[in-house]
Amino acid sequence: MSKYTEHTARAGLAAVGAWVQENGLWDRVEERVRIGQKTIRHTPTDKLLDAMIGILAGGAGVVEVNTRVRPDVGLQRAFGRDGCAEQSTISETLSACTRENVDQMRTAVREILGGHGRCLRHDFGAELLLVDIDMTGMPTGRRPG
């Protein structure tokens, strides 16, 4: 059975997950971040990934992982997961993170941005970097007329 036979209502996000997996982006996090917590079923970095998927899926808090990510097997598979940690264990992992873990994550994110992001390649001497963020969820673009 192909790893792409599961179904998801979040196809756009699943495409992002497949791209993240194909490009080994999460591997950087797994290489750098070492959270002092034992593994029973899901590693600490697996739980961080589950939390990130929950955020990308529109979750307002870790508790929403149980309703947004856990039942969505297709989305889990797209990010290379074969299951999803329960929200309480994800919360425990986040609580176990130290300042050093935050610094490790920052290093991993910088490496990912350096290899794949365009913002770090911007020529700030030539012009300012314009970042446009719309938090309203309303349609954007030119208005007719």
N, C-alpha and C. Protein backbone atom coordinates (compact mmCIF):
# COMPACT_ATOMS: atom_id res chain seq x y z
N MET A 1 0.84 -1.18 0.00
CA MET A 1 0.00 0.00 0.00
C MET A 1 0.89 1.25 0.00
N SER A 2 0.62 2.18 -0.88
CA SER A 2 1.38 3.42 -0.98
C SER A 2 1.15 4.30 0.24
N LYS A 3 2.16 5.08 0.59
CA LYS A 3 2.00 5.98 1.74
C LYS A 3 1.06 7.14 1.40
N TYR A 4 0.65 7.28 0.16
CA TYR A 4 -0.21 8.38 -0.24
C TYR A 4 -1.66 7.95 -0.50
N THR A 5 -2.09 6.82 0.06
CA THR A 5 -3.45 6.36 -0.18
C THR A 5 -4.43 6.83 0.88
N GLU A 6 -3.98 7.45 1.95
CA GLU A 6 -4.88 7.97 2.98
C GLU A 6 -5.57 9.21 2.47
N HIS A 7 -6.69 9.56 3.07
CA HIS A 7 -7.46 10.73 2.67
C HIS A 7 -7.38 11.79 3.77
N THR A 8 -7.46 13.04 3.34
CA THR A 8 -7.47 14.15 4.30
C THR A 8 -8.29 15.29 3.72
N ALA A 9 -8.93 16.04 4.60
CA ALA A 9 -9.65 17.24 4.18
C ALA A 9 -8.70 18.42 4.06
N ARG A 10 -7.47 18.24 4.48
CA ARG A 10 -6.47 19.32 4.46
C ARG A 10 -5.41 19.02 3.40
N ALA A 11 -5.83 18.91 2.16
CA ALA A 11 -4.93 18.52 1.07
C ALA A 11 -3.79 19.52 0.89
N GLY A 12 -4.07 20.80 1.00
CA GLY A 12 -3.02 21.81 0.86
C GLY A 12 -1.94 21.65 1.91
N LEU A 13 -2.35 21.43 3.14
CA LEU A 13 -1.39 21.23 4.22
C LEU A 13 -0.66 19.90 4.05
N ALA A 14 -1.35 18.89 3.54
CA ALA A 14 -0.71 17.60 3.28
C ALA A 14 0.39 17.76 2.22
N ALA A 15 0.15 18.62 1.23
CA ALA A 15 1.18 18.88 0.22
C ALA A 15 2.40 19.53 0.86
N VAL A 16 2.17 20.44 1.80
CA VAL A 16 3.27 21.06 2.54
C VAL A 16 4.02 19.98 3.32
N GLY A 17 3.29 19.09 3.98
CA GLY A 17 3.91 18.01 4.74
C GLY A 17 4.77 17.12 3.87
N ALA A 18 4.27 16.78 2.70
CA ALA A 18 5.05 15.94 1.78
C ALA A 18 6.33 16.66 1.36
N TRP A 19 6.23 17.98 1.10
CA TRP A 19 7.41 18.77 0.72
C TRP A 19 8.41 18.83 1.87
N VAL A 20 7.91 19.05 3.09
CA VAL A 20 8.78 19.09 4.27
C VAL A 20 9.51 17.76 4.42
N GLN A 21 8.79 16.68 4.23
CA GLN A 21 9.38 15.35 4.37
C GLN A 21 10.38 15.07 3.25
N GLU A 22 10.02 15.37 2.02
CA GLU A 22 10.90 15.11 0.88
C GLU A 22 12.20 15.89 0.96
N ASN A 23 12.14 17.08 1.55
CA ASN A 23 13.32 17.93 1.65
C ASN A 23 14.07 17.76 2.97
N GLY A 24 13.59 16.86 3.82
CA GLY A 24 14.28 16.56 5.07
C GLY A 24 14.34 17.71 6.05
N LEU A 25 13.37 18.62 6.00
CA LEU A 25 13.41 19.79 6.88
C LEU A 25 13.31 19.40 8.35
N TRP A 26 12.42 18.49 8.68
CA TRP A 26 12.26 18.12 10.09
C TRP A 26 13.47 17.35 10.60
N ASP A 27 14.25 16.76 9.70
CA ASP A 27 15.47 16.07 10.10
C ASP A 27 16.41 17.01 10.84
N ARG A 28 16.43 18.29 10.43
CA ARG A 28 17.28 19.28 11.10
C ARG A 28 16.88 19.43 12.56
N VAL A 29 15.58 19.45 12.81
CA VAL A 29 15.09 19.57 14.18
C VAL A 29 15.48 18.32 14.96
N GLU A 30 15.28 17.16 14.38
CA GLU A 30 15.60 15.90 15.06
C GLU A 30 17.10 15.79 15.36
N GLU A 31 17.93 16.35 14.48
CA GLU A 31 19.38 16.32 14.70
C GLU A 31 19.81 17.27 15.81
N ARG A 32 19.14 18.40 15.95
CA ARG A 32 19.59 19.47 16.85
C ARG A 32 18.92 19.47 18.22
N VAL A 33 17.63 19.17 18.27
CA VAL A 33 16.87 19.35 19.52
C VAL A 33 16.91 18.06 20.34
N ARG A 34 17.38 18.18 21.56
CA ARG A 34 17.48 17.05 22.49
C ARG A 34 16.75 17.39 23.78
N ILE A 35 15.52 16.95 23.90
CA ILE A 35 14.70 17.21 25.07
C ILE A 35 14.88 16.05 26.04
N GLY A 36 15.20 16.36 27.29
CA GLY A 36 15.44 15.34 28.30
C GLY A 36 14.16 14.69 28.77
N GLN A 37 13.65 13.79 27.96
CA GLN A 37 12.40 13.12 28.28
C GLN A 37 12.45 11.72 27.68
N LYS A 38 11.95 10.74 28.41
CA LYS A 38 11.98 9.37 27.90
C LYS A 38 10.94 9.19 26.79
N THR A 39 11.21 8.21 25.95
CA THR A 39 10.30 7.89 24.85
C THR A 39 9.57 6.60 25.17
N ILE A 40 8.25 6.66 25.13
CA ILE A 40 7.45 5.45 25.29
C ILE A 40 6.94 5.04 23.92
N ARG A 41 6.15 5.88 23.29
CA ARG A 41 5.67 5.58 21.93
C ARG A 41 6.14 6.62 20.93
N HIS A 42 6.09 7.90 21.31
CA HIS A 42 6.48 9.00 20.42
C HIS A 42 7.68 9.71 21.03
N THR A 43 8.67 10.00 20.20
CA THR A 43 9.84 10.73 20.68
C THR A 43 9.45 12.18 20.98
N PRO A 44 10.26 12.87 21.77
CA PRO A 44 9.96 14.28 22.02
C PRO A 44 9.86 15.11 20.74
N THR A 45 10.74 14.84 19.76
CA THR A 45 10.65 15.61 18.51
C THR A 45 9.43 15.21 17.68
N ASP A 46 8.96 13.96 17.81
CA ASP A 46 7.69 13.58 17.17
C ASP A 46 6.56 14.42 17.74
N LYS A 47 6.58 14.62 19.05
CA LYS A 47 5.53 15.41 19.70
C LYS A 47 5.61 16.88 19.29
N LEU A 48 6.84 17.39 19.11
CA LEU A 48 6.97 18.76 18.60
C LEU A 48 6.39 18.87 17.20
N LEU A 49 6.63 17.86 16.37
CA LEU A 49 6.07 17.85 15.02
C LEU A 49 4.55 17.80 15.06
N ASP A 50 3.99 16.97 15.94
CA ASP A 50 2.54 16.91 16.08
C ASP A 50 1.98 18.28 16.49
N ALA A 51 2.68 18.96 17.39
CA ALA A 51 2.24 20.30 17.80
C ALA A 51 2.31 21.27 16.62
N MET A 52 3.39 21.20 15.84
CA MET A 52 3.52 22.08 14.69
C MET A 52 2.42 21.81 13.66
N ILE A 53 2.12 20.54 13.41
CA ILE A 53 1.04 20.20 12.47
C ILE A 53 -0.28 20.78 12.99
N GLY A 54 -0.51 20.68 14.28
CA GLY A 54 -1.72 21.24 14.88
C GLY A 54 -1.81 22.74 14.66
N ILE A 55 -0.69 23.45 14.81
CA ILE A 55 -0.66 24.89 14.58
C ILE A 55 -0.96 25.19 13.11
N LEU A 56 -0.28 24.48 12.21
CA LEU A 56 -0.49 24.69 10.77
C LEU A 56 -1.91 24.35 10.34
N ALA A 57 -2.54 23.42 11.07
CA ALA A 57 -3.92 23.03 10.76
C ALA A 57 -4.93 24.00 11.35
N GLY A 58 -4.45 25.07 11.98
CA GLY A 58 -5.35 26.11 12.49
C GLY A 58 -5.70 25.99 13.95
N GLY A 59 -5.04 25.11 14.66
CA GLY A 59 -5.31 24.94 16.08
C GLY A 59 -4.92 26.16 16.89
N ALA A 60 -5.76 26.55 17.81
CA ALA A 60 -5.48 27.70 18.67
C ALA A 60 -4.72 27.29 19.92
N GLY A 61 -4.64 26.01 20.20
CA GLY A 61 -3.94 25.51 21.36
C GLY A 61 -3.60 24.04 21.18
N VAL A 62 -2.72 23.54 22.03
CA VAL A 62 -2.28 22.15 21.93
C VAL A 62 -3.46 21.19 22.05
N VAL A 63 -4.46 21.57 22.84
CA VAL A 63 -5.61 20.69 23.03
C VAL A 63 -6.29 20.34 21.71
N GLU A 64 -6.19 21.19 20.72
CA GLU A 64 -6.84 20.95 19.43
C GLU A 64 -6.13 19.89 18.58
N VAL A 65 -4.95 19.46 18.99
CA VAL A 65 -4.27 18.37 18.27
C VAL A 65 -5.16 17.13 18.27
N ASN A 66 -5.88 16.91 19.38
CA ASN A 66 -6.74 15.72 19.47
C ASN A 66 -7.88 15.73 18.46
N THR A 67 -8.33 16.91 18.06
CA THR A 67 -9.45 16.97 17.12
C THR A 67 -9.01 17.31 15.69
N ARG A 68 -7.85 17.91 15.52
CA ARG A 68 -7.40 18.31 14.19
C ARG A 68 -6.39 17.35 13.57
N VAL A 69 -5.51 16.78 14.37
CA VAL A 69 -4.42 15.97 13.83
C VAL A 69 -4.63 14.48 14.09
N ARG A 70 -4.97 14.12 15.30
CA ARG A 70 -5.10 12.68 15.64
C ARG A 70 -6.08 11.93 14.74
N PRO A 71 -7.26 12.50 14.42
CA PRO A 71 -8.17 11.74 13.56
C PRO A 71 -7.82 11.80 12.07
N ASP A 72 -6.89 12.68 11.69
CA ASP A 72 -6.56 12.90 10.28
C ASP A 72 -5.31 12.11 9.89
N VAL A 73 -5.51 10.82 9.62
CA VAL A 73 -4.40 9.92 9.33
C VAL A 73 -3.66 10.35 8.06
N GLY A 74 -4.38 10.82 7.07
CA GLY A 74 -3.75 11.27 5.83
C GLY A 74 -2.79 12.42 6.07
N LEU A 75 -3.16 13.35 6.91
CA LEU A 75 -2.30 14.48 7.25
C LEU A 75 -1.07 14.01 8.01
N GLN A 76 -1.28 13.09 8.95
CA GLN A 76 -0.14 12.53 9.69
C GLN A 76 0.85 11.89 8.73
N ARG A 77 0.35 11.07 7.80
CA ARG A 77 1.21 10.36 6.85
C ARG A 77 2.00 11.34 5.98
N ALA A 78 1.34 12.44 5.59
CA ALA A 78 2.00 13.42 4.73
C ALA A 78 3.24 14.01 5.40
N PHE A 79 3.20 14.12 6.72
CA PHE A 79 4.35 14.64 7.47
C PHE A 79 5.27 13.51 7.95
N GLY A 80 5.02 12.28 7.51
CA GLY A 80 5.88 11.17 7.86
C GLY A 80 5.58 10.53 9.20
N ARG A 81 4.43 10.83 9.75
CA ARG A 81 4.05 10.27 11.06
C ARG A 81 3.16 9.06 10.86
N ASP A 82 3.29 8.06 11.72
CA ASP A 82 2.43 6.88 11.66
C ASP A 82 1.45 6.86 12.83
N GLY A 83 1.24 8.00 13.41
CA GLY A 83 0.33 8.18 14.53
C GLY A 83 0.53 9.58 15.08
N CYS A 84 -0.24 9.92 16.07
CA CYS A 84 -0.14 11.26 16.65
C CYS A 84 -0.22 11.13 18.17
N ALA A 85 0.67 11.84 18.83
CA ALA A 85 0.67 11.83 20.28
C ALA A 85 -0.59 12.50 20.82
N GLU A 86 -1.00 12.10 21.99
CA GLU A 86 -2.16 12.70 22.66
C GLU A 86 -1.74 14.08 23.18
N GLN A 87 -2.68 15.01 23.17
CA GLN A 87 -2.34 16.40 23.50
C GLN A 87 -1.70 16.57 24.87
N SER A 88 -2.08 15.76 25.84
CA SER A 88 -1.50 15.92 27.18
C SER A 88 -0.02 15.55 27.19
N THR A 89 0.37 14.55 26.38
CA THR A 89 1.79 14.20 26.33
C THR A 89 2.59 15.23 25.55
N ILE A 90 1.95 15.86 24.56
CA ILE A 90 2.60 16.96 23.84
C ILE A 90 2.83 18.12 24.81
N SER A 91 1.84 18.43 25.63
CA SER A 91 1.98 19.49 26.62
C SER A 91 3.10 19.20 27.61
N GLU A 92 3.20 17.94 28.03
CA GLU A 92 4.28 17.54 28.94
C GLU A 92 5.65 17.76 28.29
N THR A 93 5.75 17.44 27.02
CA THR A 93 7.01 17.64 26.30
C THR A 93 7.35 19.12 26.20
N LEU A 94 6.37 19.93 25.88
CA LEU A 94 6.62 21.38 25.80
C LEU A 94 7.04 21.92 27.16
N SER A 95 6.44 21.41 28.23
CA SER A 95 6.81 21.84 29.58
C SER A 95 8.21 21.38 29.96
N ALA A 96 8.66 20.28 29.38
CA ALA A 96 9.99 19.75 29.68
C ALA A 96 11.10 20.50 28.94
N CYS A 97 10.73 21.34 27.98
CA CYS A 97 11.74 22.06 27.20
C CYS A 97 12.46 23.09 28.07
N THR A 98 13.75 23.18 27.85
CA THR A 98 14.59 24.12 28.57
C THR A 98 14.98 25.27 27.64
N ARG A 99 15.66 26.24 28.20
CA ARG A 99 16.17 27.34 27.38
C ARG A 99 17.12 26.80 26.31
N GLU A 100 17.90 25.79 26.68
CA GLU A 100 18.82 25.18 25.72
C GLU A 100 18.04 24.55 24.56
N ASN A 101 16.90 23.92 24.85
CA ASN A 101 16.07 23.34 23.78
C ASN A 101 15.54 24.42 22.84
N VAL A 102 15.17 25.56 23.41
CA VAL A 102 14.70 26.68 22.58
C VAL A 102 15.83 27.15 21.67
N ASP A 103 17.03 27.27 22.22
CA ASP A 103 18.19 27.67 21.41
C ASP A 103 18.48 26.63 20.33
N GLN A 104 18.34 25.35 20.66
CA GLN A 104 18.54 24.28 19.67
C GLN A 104 17.53 24.40 18.54
N MET A 105 16.28 24.70 18.90
CA MET A 105 15.24 24.86 17.88
C MET A 105 15.52 26.07 17.01
N ARG A 106 15.96 27.15 17.63
CA ARG A 106 16.31 28.35 16.85
C ARG A 106 17.41 28.03 15.84
N THR A 107 18.41 27.28 16.27
CA THR A 107 19.50 26.90 15.37
C THR A 107 18.97 26.08 14.20
N ALA A 108 18.11 25.12 14.49
CA ALA A 108 17.53 24.29 13.43
C ALA A 108 16.71 25.14 12.46
N VAL A 109 15.91 26.06 12.99
CA VAL A 109 15.08 26.91 12.12
C VAL A 109 15.96 27.81 11.26
N ARG A 110 17.04 28.35 11.84
CA ARG A 110 17.97 29.18 11.05
C ARG A 110 18.58 28.37 9.91
N GLU A 111 18.95 27.12 10.19
CA GLU A 111 19.52 26.26 9.14
C GLU A 111 18.49 25.98 8.05
N ILE A 112 17.27 25.74 8.45
CA ILE A 112 16.20 25.48 7.47
C ILE A 112 15.97 26.73 6.62
N LEU A 113 15.86 27.88 7.27
CA LEU A 113 15.65 29.13 6.52
C LEU A 113 16.84 29.44 5.62
N GLY A 114 18.04 29.17 6.11
CA GLY A 114 19.23 29.42 5.31
C GLY A 114 19.26 28.59 4.05
N GLY A 115 18.77 27.38 4.13
CA GLY A 115 18.79 26.50 2.96
C GLY A 115 17.59 26.64 2.05
N HIS A 116 16.47 27.10 2.60
CA HIS A 116 15.23 27.10 1.80
C HIS A 116 14.53 28.45 1.76
N GLY A 117 14.79 29.31 2.71
CA GLY A 117 14.08 30.59 2.76
C GLY A 117 14.73 31.65 1.91
N ARG A 118 13.93 32.52 1.37
CA ARG A 118 14.45 33.60 0.54
C ARG A 118 14.75 34.85 1.35
N CYS A 119 14.15 34.97 2.55
CA CYS A 119 14.33 36.20 3.33
C CYS A 119 15.78 36.40 3.76
N LEU A 120 16.52 35.35 4.03
CA LEU A 120 17.91 35.49 4.45
C LEU A 120 18.83 35.86 3.28
N ARG A 121 18.33 35.71 2.07
CA ARG A 121 19.11 36.07 0.89
C ARG A 121 18.79 37.48 0.39
N HIS A 122 17.90 38.15 1.08
CA HIS A 122 17.47 39.48 0.67
C HIS A 122 18.61 40.49 0.82
N ASP A 123 18.76 41.38 -0.14
CA ASP A 123 19.78 42.43 -0.10
C ASP A 123 19.21 43.63 0.65
N PHE A 124 19.42 43.65 1.96
CA PHE A 124 18.88 44.73 2.79
C PHE A 124 19.54 46.06 2.48
N GLY A 125 20.75 46.04 1.91
CA GLY A 125 21.43 47.28 1.53
C GLY A 125 20.73 47.96 0.36
N ALA A 126 20.08 47.16 -0.48
CA ALA A 126 19.41 47.71 -1.66
C ALA A 126 18.00 48.20 -1.35
N GLU A 127 17.28 47.46 -0.50
CA GLU A 127 15.92 47.85 -0.16
C GLU A 127 15.45 47.10 1.08
N LEU A 128 14.43 47.63 1.73
CA LEU A 128 13.86 46.98 2.89
C LEU A 128 13.09 45.72 2.46
N LEU A 129 12.99 44.78 3.35
CA LEU A 129 12.21 43.58 3.10
C LEU A 129 10.78 43.84 3.53
N LEU A 130 9.85 43.71 2.62
CA LEU A 130 8.44 43.92 2.92
C LEU A 130 7.82 42.59 3.28
N VAL A 131 7.24 42.52 4.47
CA VAL A 131 6.57 41.31 4.93
C VAL A 131 5.10 41.68 5.14
N ASP A 132 4.22 40.98 4.45
CA ASP A 132 2.79 41.27 4.53
C ASP A 132 2.11 40.08 5.19
N ILE A 133 1.52 40.33 6.33
CA ILE A 133 0.82 39.27 7.06
C ILE A 133 -0.62 39.72 7.28
N ASP A 134 -1.55 38.89 6.86
CA ASP A 134 -2.97 39.17 7.04
C ASP A 134 -3.55 38.15 7.99
N MET A 135 -3.90 38.57 9.19
CA MET A 135 -4.43 37.66 10.20
C MET A 135 -5.96 37.56 10.19
N THR A 136 -6.60 38.26 9.24
CA THR A 136 -8.06 38.29 9.26
C THR A 136 -8.69 37.06 8.62
N GLY A 137 -8.00 36.41 7.72
CA GLY A 137 -8.58 35.27 7.04
C GLY A 137 -9.50 35.67 5.90
N MET A 138 -9.55 36.97 5.62
CA MET A 138 -10.40 37.46 4.52
C MET A 138 -9.65 37.30 3.20
N PRO A 139 -10.40 37.23 2.08
CA PRO A 139 -9.75 37.15 0.77
C PRO A 139 -8.87 38.36 0.54
N THR A 140 -7.71 38.14 -0.09
CA THR A 140 -6.79 39.24 -0.35
C THR A 140 -6.57 39.37 -1.85
N GLY A 141 -6.00 40.48 -2.24
CA GLY A 141 -5.70 40.73 -3.63
C GLY A 141 -6.36 42.02 -4.09
N ARG A 142 -6.17 42.34 -5.37
CA ARG A 142 -6.75 43.56 -5.92
C ARG A 142 -8.25 43.47 -5.97
N ARG A 143 -8.84 44.57 -5.65
CA ARG A 143 -10.32 44.65 -5.76
C ARG A 143 -10.66 45.11 -7.17
N PRO A 144 -11.67 44.49 -7.74
CA PRO A 144 -12.07 44.93 -9.10
C PRO A 144 -12.59 46.38 -9.07
N GLY A 145 -12.31 47.09 -10.15
CA GLY A 145 -12.89 48.42 -10.29
C GLY A 145 -11.95 49.45 -10.04
